[in-house]
Amino acid sequence: MWTWLICLIYILGRIVHKSLTKMRNVIIL
């Protein structure tokens, strides 16, 4: 159960990081 929760948090974190980098690139451009 804990491992599944950690995986979910990890995936969410990656998605958030991707969106943040995309937003930053748009702001820079």
N, C-alpha and C. Protein backbone atom coordinates (compact mmCIF):
# COMPACT_ATOMS: atom_id res chain seq x y z
N MET A 1 0.84 -1.20 0.00
CA MET A 1 0.00 0.00 0.00
C MET A 1 0.88 1.26 0.00
N TRP A 2 1.89 1.27 0.88
CA TRP A 2 2.79 2.44 0.95
C TRP A 2 3.54 2.66 -0.36
N THR A 3 3.99 1.57 -0.95
CA THR A 3 4.75 1.68 -2.20
C THR A 3 3.91 2.29 -3.31
N TRP A 4 2.63 1.93 -3.36
CA TRP A 4 1.71 2.46 -4.37
C TRP A 4 1.53 3.96 -4.17
N LEU A 5 1.41 4.37 -2.90
CA LEU A 5 1.24 5.79 -2.56
C LEU A 5 2.49 6.57 -2.97
N ILE A 6 3.66 6.02 -2.69
CA ILE A 6 4.94 6.67 -3.06
C ILE A 6 5.03 6.81 -4.58
N CYS A 7 4.63 5.76 -5.30
CA CYS A 7 4.66 5.80 -6.77
C CYS A 7 3.75 6.90 -7.29
N LEU A 8 2.55 7.01 -6.71
CA LEU A 8 1.59 8.02 -7.13
C LEU A 8 2.13 9.42 -6.91
N ILE A 9 2.73 9.66 -5.73
CA ILE A 9 3.32 10.96 -5.40
C ILE A 9 4.46 11.27 -6.38
N TYR A 10 5.29 10.25 -6.68
CA TYR A 10 6.41 10.42 -7.60
C TYR A 10 5.93 10.83 -9.00
N ILE A 11 4.89 10.14 -9.50
CA ILE A 11 4.33 10.44 -10.82
C ILE A 11 3.74 11.85 -10.85
N LEU A 12 2.99 12.20 -9.79
CA LEU A 12 2.40 13.55 -9.69
C LEU A 12 3.49 14.61 -9.68
N GLY A 13 4.55 14.36 -8.93
CA GLY A 13 5.67 15.29 -8.84
C GLY A 13 6.33 15.51 -10.20
N ARG A 14 6.48 14.41 -10.94
CA ARG A 14 7.09 14.51 -12.28
C ARG A 14 6.22 15.34 -13.22
N ILE A 15 4.89 15.13 -13.16
CA ILE A 15 3.95 15.87 -14.01
C ILE A 15 4.02 17.36 -13.67
N VAL A 16 4.03 17.67 -12.36
CA VAL A 16 4.09 19.06 -11.91
C VAL A 16 5.40 19.70 -12.38
N HIS A 17 6.51 18.96 -12.25
CA HIS A 17 7.82 19.47 -12.67
C HIS A 17 7.83 19.77 -14.17
N LYS A 18 7.24 18.85 -14.95
CA LYS A 18 7.18 19.04 -16.41
C LYS A 18 6.39 20.28 -16.77
N SER A 19 5.22 20.45 -16.14
CA SER A 19 4.37 21.61 -16.41
C SER A 19 5.07 22.90 -16.00
N LEU A 20 5.79 22.87 -14.87
CA LEU A 20 6.51 24.06 -14.40
C LEU A 20 7.61 24.45 -15.38
N THR A 21 8.36 23.47 -15.87
CA THR A 21 9.43 23.75 -16.83
C THR A 21 8.84 24.29 -18.14
N LYS A 22 7.69 23.76 -18.55
CA LYS A 22 7.02 24.21 -19.76
C LYS A 22 6.60 25.67 -19.61
N MET A 23 6.00 26.00 -18.45
CA MET A 23 5.58 27.37 -18.16
C MET A 23 6.78 28.31 -18.17
N ARG A 24 7.88 27.88 -17.56
CA ARG A 24 9.10 28.68 -17.49
C ARG A 24 9.64 28.95 -18.89
N ASN A 25 9.62 27.93 -19.74
CA ASN A 25 10.09 28.09 -21.12
C ASN A 25 9.23 29.10 -21.87
N VAL A 26 7.93 29.05 -21.65
CA VAL A 26 7.00 29.98 -22.30
C VAL A 26 7.29 31.40 -21.84
N ILE A 27 7.52 31.57 -20.52
CA ILE A 27 7.80 32.90 -19.96
C ILE A 27 9.13 33.44 -20.55
N ILE A 28 10.14 32.57 -20.65
CA ILE A 28 11.45 32.98 -21.18
C ILE A 28 11.29 33.40 -22.66
N LEU A 29 10.55 32.61 -23.42
CA LEU A 29 10.35 32.90 -24.83
C LEU A 29 9.45 34.13 -24.99
